[in-house]
Amino acid sequence: MKKFVVPSAASAARAAMARATATRASAVLACLLASVFAGVPASAGEEKVQIVAAPGVEQVRANCIACHSLDYIQMNSPFLDRKGWEAAITKMEKAFAAPIKAEDKEAMLNYLSTNYGKK
């Protein structure tokens, strides 16, 4: 006959802490890998994505490619107006913990809405 052992509150707390630590470690590793590979060009035979050269382009490049390709900008441009781009930047920060520099946000928003805003 099997005996069932009820975990103590202390062991449940240790297990919860271990899960939280593993989750944090995974997030840190993902950010580290993203920063390491941010400057590495795509190697799957893709052409380098060209975006409009205009004021704010450097802020967009520096902040966006840490997490995704610049073709996301072109793919979303038919759908997003200024408010949409502002919401996208906020989502990247809050939902995906994108390391967007506060001083770059306005330049990014102006660039995206002017050059890739919904017409």
PDB file of N, CA and C in Angstrom:
ATOM      1  N   MET A   1       0.835  -1.169   0.000  1.00  0.00           N
ATOM      2  CA  MET A   1       0.000   0.000   0.000  1.00  0.00           C
ATOM      3  C   MET A   1       0.887   1.242   0.000  1.00  0.00           C
ATOM      4  N   LYS A   2       0.564   2.178  -0.930  1.00  0.00           N
ATOM      5  CA  LYS A   2       1.341   3.401  -1.045  1.00  0.00           C
ATOM      6  C   LYS A   2       0.888   4.420  -0.029  1.00  0.00           C
ATOM      7  N   LYS A   3       1.876   5.118   0.522  1.00  0.00           N
ATOM      8  CA  LYS A   3       1.558   6.207   1.436  1.00  0.00           C
ATOM      9  C   LYS A   3       1.654   7.507   0.665  1.00  0.00           C
ATOM     10  N   PHE A   4       0.711   8.357   0.863  1.00  0.00           N
ATOM     11  CA  PHE A   4       0.738   9.672   0.238  1.00  0.00           C
ATOM     12  C   PHE A   4       1.326  10.673   1.218  1.00  0.00           C
ATOM     13  N   VAL A   5       2.294  11.411   0.742  1.00  0.00           N
ATOM     14  CA  VAL A   5       2.940  12.399   1.583  1.00  0.00           C
ATOM     15  C   VAL A   5       2.443  13.775   1.150  1.00  0.00           C
ATOM     16  N   VAL A   6       1.919  14.508   2.083  1.00  0.00           N
ATOM     17  CA  VAL A   6       1.445  15.862   1.816  1.00  0.00           C
ATOM     18  C   VAL A   6       2.642  16.802   2.000  1.00  0.00           C
ATOM     19  N   PRO A   7       2.970  17.558   0.953  1.00  0.00           N
ATOM     20  CA  PRO A   7       4.129  18.449   1.097  1.00  0.00           C
ATOM     21  C   PRO A   7       3.866  19.543   2.139  1.00  0.00           C
ATOM     22  N   SER A   8       4.905  19.864   2.833  1.00  0.00           N
ATOM     23  CA  SER A   8       4.779  20.919   3.830  1.00  0.00           C
ATOM     24  C   SER A   8       4.722  22.271   3.128  1.00  0.00           C
ATOM     25  N   ALA A   9       4.307  23.269   3.844  1.00  0.00           N
ATOM     26  CA  ALA A   9       4.255  24.617   3.283  1.00  0.00           C
ATOM     27  C   ALA A   9       5.644  25.076   2.881  1.00  0.00           C
ATOM     28  N   ALA A  10       6.645  24.681   3.645  1.00  0.00           N
ATOM     29  CA  ALA A  10       8.021  25.080   3.342  1.00  0.00           C
ATOM     30  C   ALA A  10       8.485  24.456   2.034  1.00  0.00           C
ATOM     31  N   SER A  11       8.175  23.174   1.830  1.00  0.00           N
ATOM     32  CA  SER A  11       8.619  22.539   0.578  1.00  0.00           C
ATOM     33  C   SER A  11       7.847  23.087  -0.613  1.00  0.00           C
ATOM     34  N   ALA A  12       6.594  23.437  -0.424  1.00  0.00           N
ATOM     35  CA  ALA A  12       5.819  24.060  -1.507  1.00  0.00           C
ATOM     36  C   ALA A  12       6.399  25.431  -1.844  1.00  0.00           C
ATOM     37  N   ALA A  13       6.800  26.178  -0.837  1.00  0.00           N
ATOM     38  CA  ALA A  13       7.403  27.492  -1.060  1.00  0.00           C
ATOM     39  C   ALA A  13       8.738  27.355  -1.780  1.00  0.00           C
ATOM     40  N   ARG A  14       9.547  26.342  -1.384  1.00  0.00           N
ATOM     41  CA  ARG A  14      10.831  26.117  -2.062  1.00  0.00           C
ATOM     42  C   ARG A  14      10.599  25.759  -3.529  1.00  0.00           C
ATOM     43  N   ALA A  15       9.611  24.956  -3.806  1.00  0.00           N
ATOM     44  CA  ALA A  15       9.307  24.572  -5.187  1.00  0.00           C
ATOM     45  C   ALA A  15       8.862  25.787  -5.998  1.00  0.00           C
ATOM     46  N   ALA A  16       8.034  26.645  -5.398  1.00  0.00           N
ATOM     47  CA  ALA A  16       7.584  27.857  -6.089  1.00  0.00           C
ATOM     48  C   ALA A  16       8.758  28.778  -6.372  1.00  0.00           C
ATOM     49  N   MET A  17       9.679  28.901  -5.403  1.00  0.00           N
ATOM     50  CA  MET A  17      10.853  29.743  -5.604  1.00  0.00           C
ATOM     51  C   MET A  17      11.733  29.174  -6.705  1.00  0.00           C
ATOM     52  N   ALA A  18      11.875  27.871  -6.751  1.00  0.00           N
ATOM     53  CA  ALA A  18      12.696  27.241  -7.785  1.00  0.00           C
ATOM     54  C   ALA A  18      12.104  27.492  -9.166  1.00  0.00           C
ATOM     55  N   ARG A  19      10.766  27.387  -9.277  1.00  0.00           N
ATOM     56  CA  ARG A  19      10.114  27.668 -10.565  1.00  0.00           C
ATOM     57  C   ARG A  19      10.305  29.123 -10.970  1.00  0.00           C
ATOM     58  N   ALA A  20      10.160  30.041 -10.017  1.00  0.00           N
ATOM     59  CA  ALA A  20      10.332  31.470 -10.311  1.00  0.00           C
ATOM     60  C   ALA A  20      11.771  31.770 -10.717  1.00  0.00           C
ATOM     61  N   THR A  21      12.726  31.148 -10.053  1.00  0.00           N
ATOM     62  CA  THR A  21      14.136  31.349 -10.395  1.00  0.00           C
ATOM     63  C   THR A  21      14.424  30.820 -11.789  1.00  0.00           C
ATOM     64  N   ALA A  22      13.874  29.667 -12.127  1.00  0.00           N
ATOM     65  CA  ALA A  22      14.069  29.096 -13.463  1.00  0.00           C
ATOM     66  C   ALA A  22      13.446  29.988 -14.532  1.00  0.00           C
ATOM     67  N   THR A  23      12.283  30.554 -14.237  1.00  0.00           N
ATOM     68  CA  THR A  23      11.627  31.452 -15.185  1.00  0.00           C
ATOM     69  C   THR A  23      12.460  32.705 -15.398  1.00  0.00           C
ATOM     70  N   ARG A  24      12.966  33.292 -14.318  1.00  0.00           N
ATOM     71  CA  ARG A  24      13.817  34.476 -14.433  1.00  0.00           C
ATOM     72  C   ARG A  24      15.089  34.155 -15.201  1.00  0.00           C
ATOM     73  N   ALA A  25      15.679  33.012 -14.918  1.00  0.00           N
ATOM     74  CA  ALA A  25      16.908  32.620 -15.606  1.00  0.00           C
ATOM     75  C   ALA A  25      16.647  32.450 -17.101  1.00  0.00           C
ATOM     76  N   SER A  26      15.508  31.887 -17.458  1.00  0.00           N
ATOM     77  CA  SER A  26      15.161  31.732 -18.875  1.00  0.00           C
ATOM     78  C   SER A  26      14.999  33.083 -19.552  1.00  0.00           C
ATOM     79  N   ALA A  27      14.357  34.024 -18.861  1.00  0.00           N
ATOM     80  CA  ALA A  27      14.166  35.368 -19.424  1.00  0.00           C
ATOM     81  C   ALA A  27      15.503  36.079 -19.603  1.00  0.00           C
ATOM     82  N   VAL A  28      16.377  35.951 -18.631  1.00  0.00           N
ATOM     83  CA  VAL A  28      17.698  36.580 -18.723  1.00  0.00           C
ATOM     84  C   VAL A  28      18.487  35.965 -19.872  1.00  0.00           C
ATOM     85  N   LEU A  29      18.426  34.653 -20.002  1.00  0.00           N
ATOM     86  CA  LEU A  29      19.122  33.968 -21.092  1.00  0.00           C
ATOM     87  C   LEU A  29      18.583  34.409 -22.449  1.00  0.00           C
ATOM     88  N   ALA A  30      17.277  34.529 -22.576  1.00  0.00           N
ATOM     89  CA  ALA A  30      16.675  34.970 -23.837  1.00  0.00           C
ATOM     90  C   ALA A  30      17.138  36.379 -24.195  1.00  0.00           C
ATOM     91  N   CYS A  31      17.158  37.285 -23.227  1.00  0.00           N
ATOM     92  CA  CYS A  31      17.630  38.654 -23.478  1.00  0.00           C
ATOM     93  C   CYS A  31      19.104  38.660 -23.846  1.00  0.00           C
ATOM     94  N   LEU A  32      19.885  37.851 -23.150  1.00  0.00           N
ATOM     95  CA  LEU A  32      21.312  37.775 -23.436  1.00  0.00           C
ATOM     96  C   LEU A  32      21.552  37.278 -24.859  1.00  0.00           C
ATOM     97  N   LEU A  33      20.860  36.213 -25.231  1.00  0.00           N
ATOM     98  CA  LEU A  33      21.014  35.685 -26.591  1.00  0.00           C
ATOM     99  C   LEU A  33      20.550  36.693 -27.635  1.00  0.00           C
ATOM    100  N   ALA A  34      19.460  37.395 -27.356  1.00  0.00           N
ATOM    101  CA  ALA A  34      18.973  38.400 -28.298  1.00  0.00           C
ATOM    102  C   ALA A  34      19.997  39.507 -28.474  1.00  0.00           C
ATOM    103  N   SER A  35      20.626  39.928 -27.384  1.00  0.00           N
ATOM    104  CA  SER A  35      21.612  40.998 -27.499  1.00  0.00           C
ATOM    105  C   SER A  35      22.873  40.515 -28.200  1.00  0.00           C
ATOM    106  N   VAL A  36      23.246  39.255 -28.001  1.00  0.00           N
ATOM    107  CA  VAL A  36      24.426  38.712 -28.659  1.00  0.00           C
ATOM    108  C   VAL A  36      24.208  38.613 -30.160  1.00  0.00           C
ATOM    109  N   PHE A  37      23.019  38.160 -30.553  1.00  0.00           N
ATOM    110  CA  PHE A  37      22.748  37.932 -31.964  1.00  0.00           C
ATOM    111  C   PHE A  37      22.093  39.110 -32.669  1.00  0.00           C
ATOM    112  N   ALA A  38      21.869  40.219 -31.970  1.00  0.00           N
ATOM    113  CA  ALA A  38      21.195  41.374 -32.573  1.00  0.00           C
ATOM    114  C   ALA A  38      21.955  41.915 -33.777  1.00  0.00           C
ATOM    115  N   GLY A  39      23.259  41.897 -33.713  1.00  0.00           N
ATOM    116  CA  GLY A  39      24.046  42.432 -34.813  1.00  0.00           C
ATOM    117  C   GLY A  39      24.397  41.411 -35.874  1.00  0.00           C
ATOM    118  N   VAL A  40      23.948  40.173 -35.705  1.00  0.00           N
ATOM    119  CA  VAL A  40      24.277  39.124 -36.659  1.00  0.00           C
ATOM    120  C   VAL A  40      23.268  39.153 -37.795  1.00  0.00           C
ATOM    121  N   PRO A  41      23.719  39.307 -39.035  1.00  0.00           N
ATOM    122  CA  PRO A  41      22.785  39.340 -40.154  1.00  0.00           C
ATOM    123  C   PRO A  41      22.115  37.984 -40.366  1.00  0.00           C
ATOM    124  N   ALA A  42      20.932  38.026 -40.966  1.00  0.00           N
ATOM    125  CA  ALA A  42      20.205  36.795 -41.262  1.00  0.00           C
ATOM    126  C   ALA A  42      21.050  35.927 -42.182  1.00  0.00           C
ATOM    127  N   SER A  43      21.031  34.624 -41.956  1.00  0.00           N
ATOM    128  CA  SER A  43      21.872  33.749 -42.752  1.00  0.00           C
ATOM    129  C   SER A  43      21.074  32.721 -43.536  1.00  0.00           C
ATOM    130  N   ALA A  44      19.790  32.919 -43.654  1.00  0.00           N
ATOM    131  CA  ALA A  44      18.953  31.951 -44.356  1.00  0.00           C
ATOM    132  C   ALA A  44      18.749  32.348 -45.807  1.00  0.00           C
ATOM    133  N   GLY A  45      19.701  33.063 -46.380  1.00  0.00           N
ATOM    134  CA  GLY A  45      19.588  33.470 -47.768  1.00  0.00           C
ATOM    135  C   GLY A  45      18.677  34.662 -47.964  1.00  0.00           C
ATOM    136  N   GLU A  46      18.273  35.317 -46.876  1.00  0.00           N
ATOM    137  CA  GLU A  46      17.391  36.473 -46.979  1.00  0.00           C
ATOM    138  C   GLU A  46      18.200  37.700 -47.358  1.00  0.00           C
ATOM    139  N   GLU A  47      17.594  38.566 -48.147  1.00  0.00           N
ATOM    140  CA  GLU A  47      18.221  39.850 -48.439  1.00  0.00           C
ATOM    141  C   GLU A  47      18.092  40.716 -47.197  1.00  0.00           C
ATOM    142  N   LYS A  48      19.047  41.622 -47.004  1.00  0.00           N
ATOM    143  CA  LYS A  48      18.962  42.536 -45.866  1.00  0.00           C
ATOM    144  C   LYS A  48      17.749  43.442 -46.062  1.00  0.00           C
ATOM    145  N   VAL A  49      16.925  43.542 -45.038  1.00  0.00           N
ATOM    146  CA  VAL A  49      15.718  44.359 -45.104  1.00  0.00           C
ATOM    147  C   VAL A  49      16.110  45.830 -45.148  1.00  0.00           C
ATOM    148  N   GLN A  50      15.599  46.544 -46.117  1.00  0.00           N
ATOM    149  CA  GLN A  50      15.861  47.974 -46.253  1.00  0.00           C
ATOM    150  C   GLN A  50      14.631  48.739 -45.763  1.00  0.00           C
ATOM    151  N   ILE A  51      14.860  49.691 -44.881  1.00  0.00           N
ATOM    152  CA  ILE A  51      13.764  50.553 -44.447  1.00  0.00           C
ATOM    153  C   ILE A  51      14.123  51.987 -44.828  1.00  0.00           C
ATOM    154  N   VAL A  52      13.128  52.840 -44.829  1.00  0.00           N
ATOM    155  CA  VAL A  52      13.276  54.223 -45.272  1.00  0.00           C
ATOM    156  C   VAL A  52      14.340  54.947 -44.439  1.00  0.00           C
ATOM    157  N   ALA A  53      15.259  55.612 -45.139  1.00  0.00           N
ATOM    158  CA  ALA A  53      16.270  56.429 -44.462  1.00  0.00           C
ATOM    159  C   ALA A  53      15.643  57.787 -44.170  1.00  0.00           C
ATOM    160  N   ALA A  54      15.356  58.046 -42.915  1.00  0.00           N
ATOM    161  CA  ALA A  54      14.709  59.286 -42.485  1.00  0.00           C
ATOM    162  C   ALA A  54      15.040  59.493 -41.008  1.00  0.00           C
ATOM    163  N   PRO A  55      14.789  60.691 -40.487  1.00  0.00           N
ATOM    164  CA  PRO A  55      15.046  60.918 -39.056  1.00  0.00           C
ATOM    165  C   PRO A  55      14.330  59.873 -38.196  1.00  0.00           C
ATOM    166  N   GLY A  56      15.077  59.264 -37.282  1.00  0.00           N
ATOM    167  CA  GLY A  56      14.533  58.238 -36.394  1.00  0.00           C
ATOM    168  C   GLY A  56      14.891  56.826 -36.808  1.00  0.00           C
ATOM    169  N   VAL A  57      15.443  56.654 -38.018  1.00  0.00           N
ATOM    170  CA  VAL A  57      15.738  55.300 -38.499  1.00  0.00           C
ATOM    171  C   VAL A  57      16.759  54.594 -37.608  1.00  0.00           C
ATOM    172  N   GLU A  58      17.746  55.327 -37.111  1.00  0.00           N
ATOM    173  CA  GLU A  58      18.767  54.693 -36.268  1.00  0.00           C
ATOM    174  C   GLU A  58      18.176  54.226 -34.933  1.00  0.00           C
ATOM    175  N   GLN A  59      17.261  55.002 -34.371  1.00  0.00           N
ATOM    176  CA  GLN A  59      16.609  54.589 -33.120  1.00  0.00           C
ATOM    177  C   GLN A  59      15.761  53.335 -33.351  1.00  0.00           C
ATOM    178  N   VAL A  60      15.072  53.290 -34.498  1.00  0.00           N
ATOM    179  CA  VAL A  60      14.260  52.117 -34.822  1.00  0.00           C
ATOM    180  C   VAL A  60      15.168  50.902 -34.985  1.00  0.00           C
ATOM    181  N   ARG A  61      16.220  51.044 -35.776  1.00  0.00           N
ATOM    182  CA  ARG A  61      17.150  49.918 -35.968  1.00  0.00           C
ATOM    183  C   ARG A  61      17.714  49.446 -34.631  1.00  0.00           C
ATOM    184  N   ALA A  62      18.220  50.367 -33.836  1.00  0.00           N
ATOM    185  CA  ALA A  62      18.881  50.006 -32.581  1.00  0.00           C
ATOM    186  C   ALA A  62      17.941  49.307 -31.602  1.00  0.00           C
ATOM    187  N   ASN A  63      16.686  49.728 -31.550  1.00  0.00           N
ATOM    188  CA  ASN A  63      15.769  49.169 -30.563  1.00  0.00           C
ATOM    189  C   ASN A  63      14.980  47.968 -31.069  1.00  0.00           C
ATOM    190  N   CYS A  64      14.637  47.942 -32.336  1.00  0.00           N
ATOM    191  CA  CYS A  64      13.755  46.880 -32.840  1.00  0.00           C
ATOM    192  C   CYS A  64      14.482  45.571 -33.139  1.00  0.00           C
ATOM    193  N   ILE A  65      15.699  45.670 -33.698  1.00  0.00           N
ATOM    194  CA  ILE A  65      16.356  44.424 -34.103  1.00  0.00           C
ATOM    195  C   ILE A  65      16.882  43.599 -32.934  1.00  0.00           C
ATOM    196  N   ALA A  66      16.783  44.116 -31.734  1.00  0.00           N
ATOM    197  CA  ALA A  66      17.162  43.309 -30.574  1.00  0.00           C
ATOM    198  C   ALA A  66      16.233  42.104 -30.428  1.00  0.00           C
ATOM    199  N   CYS A  67      15.007  42.236 -30.963  1.00  0.00           N
ATOM    200  CA  CYS A  67      14.021  41.161 -30.799  1.00  0.00           C
ATOM    201  C   CYS A  67      13.489  40.576 -32.105  1.00  0.00           C
ATOM    202  N   HIS A  68      13.431  41.377 -33.158  1.00  0.00           N
ATOM    203  CA  HIS A  68      12.834  40.864 -34.393  1.00  0.00           C
ATOM    204  C   HIS A  68      13.427  41.548 -35.616  1.00  0.00           C
ATOM    205  N   SER A  69      13.143  40.963 -36.766  1.00  0.00           N
ATOM    206  CA  SER A  69      13.609  41.500 -38.035  1.00  0.00           C
ATOM    207  C   SER A  69      12.868  42.797 -38.355  1.00  0.00           C
ATOM    208  N   LEU A  70      13.511  43.647 -39.145  1.00  0.00           N
ATOM    209  CA  LEU A  70      12.883  44.909 -39.524  1.00  0.00           C
ATOM    210  C   LEU A  70      11.727  44.698 -40.503  1.00  0.00           C
ATOM    211  N   ASP A  71      11.590  43.511 -41.073  1.00  0.00           N
ATOM    212  CA  ASP A  71      10.463  43.295 -41.985  1.00  0.00           C
ATOM    213  C   ASP A  71       9.124  43.325 -41.250  1.00  0.00           C
ATOM    214  N   TYR A  72       9.136  43.191 -39.916  1.00  0.00           N
ATOM    215  CA  TYR A  72       7.891  43.330 -39.143  1.00  0.00           C
ATOM    216  C   TYR A  72       7.303  44.719 -39.339  1.00  0.00           C
ATOM    217  N   ILE A  73       8.175  45.716 -39.487  1.00  0.00           N
ATOM    218  CA  ILE A  73       7.713  47.088 -39.700  1.00  0.00           C
ATOM    219  C   ILE A  73       6.936  47.169 -41.002  1.00  0.00           C
ATOM    220  N   GLN A  74       7.508  46.643 -42.062  1.00  0.00           N
ATOM    221  CA  GLN A  74       6.860  46.676 -43.366  1.00  0.00           C
ATOM    222  C   GLN A  74       5.572  45.853 -43.382  1.00  0.00           C
ATOM    223  N   MET A  75       5.580  44.719 -42.681  1.00  0.00           N
ATOM    224  CA  MET A  75       4.380  43.871 -42.650  1.00  0.00           C
ATOM    225  C   MET A  75       3.225  44.550 -41.922  1.00  0.00           C
ATOM    226  N   ASN A  76       3.528  45.344 -40.896  1.00  0.00           N
ATOM    227  CA  ASN A  76       2.478  45.991 -40.106  1.00  0.00           C
ATOM    228  C   ASN A  76       2.057  47.356 -40.631  1.00  0.00           C
ATOM    229  N   SER A  77       2.830  47.938 -41.537  1.00  0.00           N
ATOM    230  CA  SER A  77       2.557  49.305 -41.969  1.00  0.00           C
ATOM    231  C   SER A  77       1.175  49.519 -42.587  1.00  0.00           C
ATOM    232  N   PRO A  78       0.585  48.549 -43.291  1.00  0.00           N
ATOM    233  CA  PRO A  78      -0.754  48.819 -43.831  1.00  0.00           C
ATOM    234  C   PRO A  78      -1.842  48.930 -42.758  1.00  0.00           C
ATOM    235  N   PHE A  79      -1.538  48.500 -41.546  1.00  0.00           N
ATOM    236  CA  PHE A  79      -2.559  48.408 -40.511  1.00  0.00           C
ATOM    237  C   PHE A  79      -2.452  49.442 -39.399  1.00  0.00           C
ATOM    238  N   LEU A  80      -1.282  50.044 -39.217  1.00  0.00           N
ATOM    239  CA  LEU A  80      -1.058  50.876 -38.033  1.00  0.00           C
ATOM    240  C   LEU A  80      -0.943  52.365 -38.365  1.00  0.00           C
ATOM    241  N   ASP A  81      -1.762  53.158 -37.681  1.00  0.00           N
ATOM    242  CA  ASP A  81      -1.620  54.614 -37.747  1.00  0.00           C
ATOM    243  C   ASP A  81      -0.745  55.024 -36.552  1.00  0.00           C
ATOM    244  N   ARG A  82      -0.661  56.313 -36.252  1.00  0.00           N
ATOM    245  CA  ARG A  82       0.200  56.765 -35.151  1.00  0.00           C
ATOM    246  C   ARG A  82      -0.183  56.105 -33.827  1.00  0.00           C
ATOM    247  N   LYS A  83      -1.476  56.051 -33.524  1.00  0.00           N
ATOM    248  CA  LYS A  83      -1.913  55.418 -32.271  1.00  0.00           C
ATOM    249  C   LYS A  83      -1.580  53.931 -32.265  1.00  0.00           C
ATOM    250  N   GLY A  84      -1.695  53.296 -33.423  1.00  0.00           N
ATOM    251  CA  GLY A  84      -1.361  51.874 -33.531  1.00  0.00           C
ATOM    252  C   GLY A  84       0.117  51.612 -33.296  1.00  0.00           C
ATOM    253  N   TRP A  85       0.981  52.475 -33.873  1.00  0.00           N
ATOM    254  CA  TRP A  85       2.421  52.325 -33.655  1.00  0.00           C
ATOM    255  C   TRP A  85       2.771  52.598 -32.196  1.00  0.00           C
ATOM    256  N   GLU A  86       2.109  53.580 -31.591  1.00  0.00           N
ATOM    257  CA  GLU A  86       2.355  53.863 -30.176  1.00  0.00           C
ATOM    258  C   GLU A  86       1.975  52.660 -29.315  1.00  0.00           C
ATOM    259  N   ALA A  87       0.841  52.048 -29.635  1.00  0.00           N
ATOM    260  CA  ALA A  87       0.407  50.847 -28.903  1.00  0.00           C
ATOM    261  C   ALA A  87       1.381  49.693 -29.131  1.00  0.00           C
ATOM    262  N   ALA A  88       1.916  49.569 -30.350  1.00  0.00           N
ATOM    263  CA  ALA A  88       2.869  48.499 -30.652  1.00  0.00           C
ATOM    264  C   ALA A  88       4.150  48.680 -29.841  1.00  0.00           C
ATOM    265  N   ILE A  89       4.643  49.898 -29.757  1.00  0.00           N
ATOM    266  CA  ILE A  89       5.854  50.178 -28.976  1.00  0.00           C
ATOM    267  C   ILE A  89       5.603  49.856 -27.503  1.00  0.00           C
ATOM    268  N   THR A  90       4.460  50.280 -26.994  1.00  0.00           N
ATOM    269  CA  THR A  90       4.105  50.001 -25.596  1.00  0.00           C
ATOM    270  C   THR A  90       3.989  48.502 -25.351  1.00  0.00           C
ATOM    271  N   LYS A  91       3.368  47.789 -26.298  1.00  0.00           N
ATOM    272  CA  LYS A  91       3.231  46.323 -26.167  1.00  0.00           C
ATOM    273  C   LYS A  91       4.604  45.661 -26.142  1.00  0.00           C
ATOM    274  N   MET A  92       5.498  46.105 -27.003  1.00  0.00           N
ATOM    275  CA  MET A  92       6.835  45.514 -27.035  1.00  0.00           C
ATOM    276  C   MET A  92       7.539  45.689 -25.687  1.00  0.00           C
ATOM    277  N   GLU A  93       7.342  46.848 -25.070  1.00  0.00           N
ATOM    278  CA  GLU A  93       7.960  47.113 -23.768  1.00  0.00           C
ATOM    279  C   GLU A  93       7.311  46.302 -22.656  1.00  0.00           C
ATOM    280  N   LYS A  94       5.995  46.387 -22.573  1.00  0.00           N
ATOM    281  CA  LYS A  94       5.287  45.809 -21.421  1.00  0.00           C
ATOM    282  C   LYS A  94       5.068  44.300 -21.540  1.00  0.00           C
ATOM    283  N   ALA A  95       4.661  43.828 -22.707  1.00  0.00           N
ATOM    284  CA  ALA A  95       4.362  42.403 -22.860  1.00  0.00           C
ATOM    285  C   ALA A  95       5.605  41.570 -23.152  1.00  0.00           C
ATOM    286  N   PHE A  96       6.559  42.146 -23.897  1.00  0.00           N
ATOM    287  CA  PHE A  96       7.728  41.378 -24.314  1.00  0.00           C
ATOM    288  C   PHE A  96       9.025  41.847 -23.662  1.00  0.00           C
ATOM    289  N   ALA A  97       8.930  42.823 -22.758  1.00  0.00           N
ATOM    290  CA  ALA A  97      10.090  43.352 -22.027  1.00  0.00           C
ATOM    291  C   ALA A  97      11.200  43.827 -22.962  1.00  0.00           C
ATOM    292  N   ALA A  98      10.799  44.434 -24.071  1.00  0.00           N
ATOM    293  CA  ALA A  98      11.791  44.975 -25.005  1.00  0.00           C
ATOM    294  C   ALA A  98      12.561  46.107 -24.336  1.00  0.00           C
ATOM    295  N   PRO A  99      13.875  46.099 -24.467  1.00  0.00           N
ATOM    296  CA  PRO A  99      14.698  47.128 -23.814  1.00  0.00           C
ATOM    297  C   PRO A  99      14.758  48.417 -24.631  1.00  0.00           C
ATOM    298  N   ILE A 100      13.601  49.051 -24.826  1.00  0.00           N
ATOM    299  CA  ILE A 100      13.533  50.287 -25.616  1.00  0.00           C
ATOM    300  C   ILE A 100      13.966  51.453 -24.744  1.00  0.00           C
ATOM    301  N   LYS A 101      14.918  52.226 -25.260  1.00  0.00           N
ATOM    302  CA  LYS A 101      15.407  53.375 -24.515  1.00  0.00           C
ATOM    303  C   LYS A 101      14.336  54.464 -24.481  1.00  0.00           C
ATOM    304  N   ALA A 102      14.083  55.012 -23.312  1.00  0.00           N
ATOM    305  CA  ALA A 102      13.045  56.024 -23.135  1.00  0.00           C
ATOM    306  C   ALA A 102      13.275  57.228 -24.048  1.00  0.00           C
ATOM    307  N   GLU A 103      14.537  57.625 -24.197  1.00  0.00           N
ATOM    308  CA  GLU A 103      14.842  58.796 -25.023  1.00  0.00           C
ATOM    309  C   GLU A 103      14.656  58.533 -26.524  1.00  0.00           C
ATOM    310  N   ASP A 104      14.487  57.271 -26.907  1.00  0.00           N
ATOM    311  CA  ASP A 104      14.306  56.930 -28.330  1.00  0.00           C
ATOM    312  C   ASP A 104      12.840  56.809 -28.750  1.00  0.00           C
ATOM    313  N   LYS A 105      11.941  56.705 -27.790  1.00  0.00           N
ATOM    314  CA  LYS A 105      10.535  56.407 -28.101  1.00  0.00           C
ATOM    315  C   LYS A 105       9.881  57.417 -29.038  1.00  0.00           C
ATOM    316  N   GLU A 106      10.028  58.693 -28.754  1.00  0.00           N
ATOM    317  CA  GLU A 106       9.360  59.711 -29.576  1.00  0.00           C
ATOM    318  C   GLU A 106       9.900  59.701 -31.004  1.00  0.00           C
ATOM    319  N   ALA A 107      11.219  59.576 -31.160  1.00  0.00           N
ATOM    320  CA  ALA A 107      11.816  59.515 -32.499  1.00  0.00           C
ATOM    321  C   ALA A 107      11.329  58.274 -33.244  1.00  0.00           C
ATOM    322  N   MET A 108      11.211  57.153 -32.535  1.00  0.00           N
ATOM    323  CA  MET A 108      10.714  55.919 -33.155  1.00  0.00           C
ATOM    324  C   MET A 108       9.271  56.085 -33.604  1.00  0.00           C
ATOM    325  N   LEU A 109       8.451  56.647 -32.732  1.00  0.00           N
ATOM    326  CA  LEU A 109       7.042  56.839 -33.045  1.00  0.00           C
ATOM    327  C   LEU A 109       6.873  57.771 -34.240  1.00  0.00           C
ATOM    328  N   ASN A 110       7.611  58.861 -34.252  1.00  0.00           N
ATOM    329  CA  ASN A 110       7.533  59.787 -35.391  1.00  0.00           C
ATOM    330  C   ASN A 110       7.981  59.108 -36.682  1.00  0.00           C
ATOM    331  N   TYR A 111       9.062  58.362 -36.617  1.00  0.00           N
ATOM    332  CA  TYR A 111       9.579  57.664 -37.798  1.00  0.00           C
ATOM    333  C   TYR A 111       8.550  56.657 -38.312  1.00  0.00           C
ATOM    334  N   LEU A 112       8.067  55.807 -37.434  1.00  0.00           N
ATOM    335  CA  LEU A 112       7.140  54.743 -37.847  1.00  0.00           C
ATOM    336  C   LEU A 112       5.838  55.310 -38.391  1.00  0.00           C
ATOM    337  N   SER A 113       5.268  56.299 -37.716  1.00  0.00           N
ATOM    338  CA  SER A 113       3.989  56.834 -38.163  1.00  0.00           C
ATOM    339  C   SER A 113       4.128  57.655 -39.438  1.00  0.00           C
ATOM    340  N   THR A 114       5.259  58.331 -39.632  1.00  0.00           N
ATOM    341  CA  THR A 114       5.472  59.136 -40.843  1.00  0.00           C
ATOM    342  C   THR A 114       5.788  58.257 -42.045  1.00  0.00           C
ATOM    343  N   ASN A 115       6.666  57.282 -41.869  1.00  0.00           N
ATOM    344  CA  ASN A 115       7.156  56.489 -42.995  1.00  0.00           C
ATOM    345  C   ASN A 115       6.405  55.182 -43.210  1.00  0.00           C
ATOM    346  N   TYR A 116       5.768  54.683 -42.173  1.00  0.00           N
ATOM    347  CA  TYR A 116       5.076  53.390 -42.278  1.00  0.00           C
ATOM    348  C   TYR A 116       3.679  53.437 -41.668  1.00  0.00           C
ATOM    349  N   GLY A 117       3.133  54.632 -41.541  1.00  0.00           N
ATOM    350  CA  GLY A 117       1.792  54.764 -40.988  1.00  0.00           C
ATOM    351  C   GLY A 117       0.725  54.433 -42.001  1.00  0.00           C
ATOM    352  N   LYS A 118      -0.388  53.954 -41.496  1.00  0.00           N
ATOM    353  CA  LYS A 118      -1.547  53.635 -42.327  1.00  0.00           C
ATOM    354  C   LYS A 118      -1.954  54.890 -43.084  1.00  0.00           C
ATOM    355  N   LYS A 119      -2.163  54.761 -44.376  1.00  0.00           N
ATOM    356  CA  LYS A 119      -2.533  55.911 -45.221  1.00  0.00           C
ATOM    357  C   LYS A 119      -4.034  56.071 -45.280  1.00  0.00           C
TER     358      LYS A 119
END
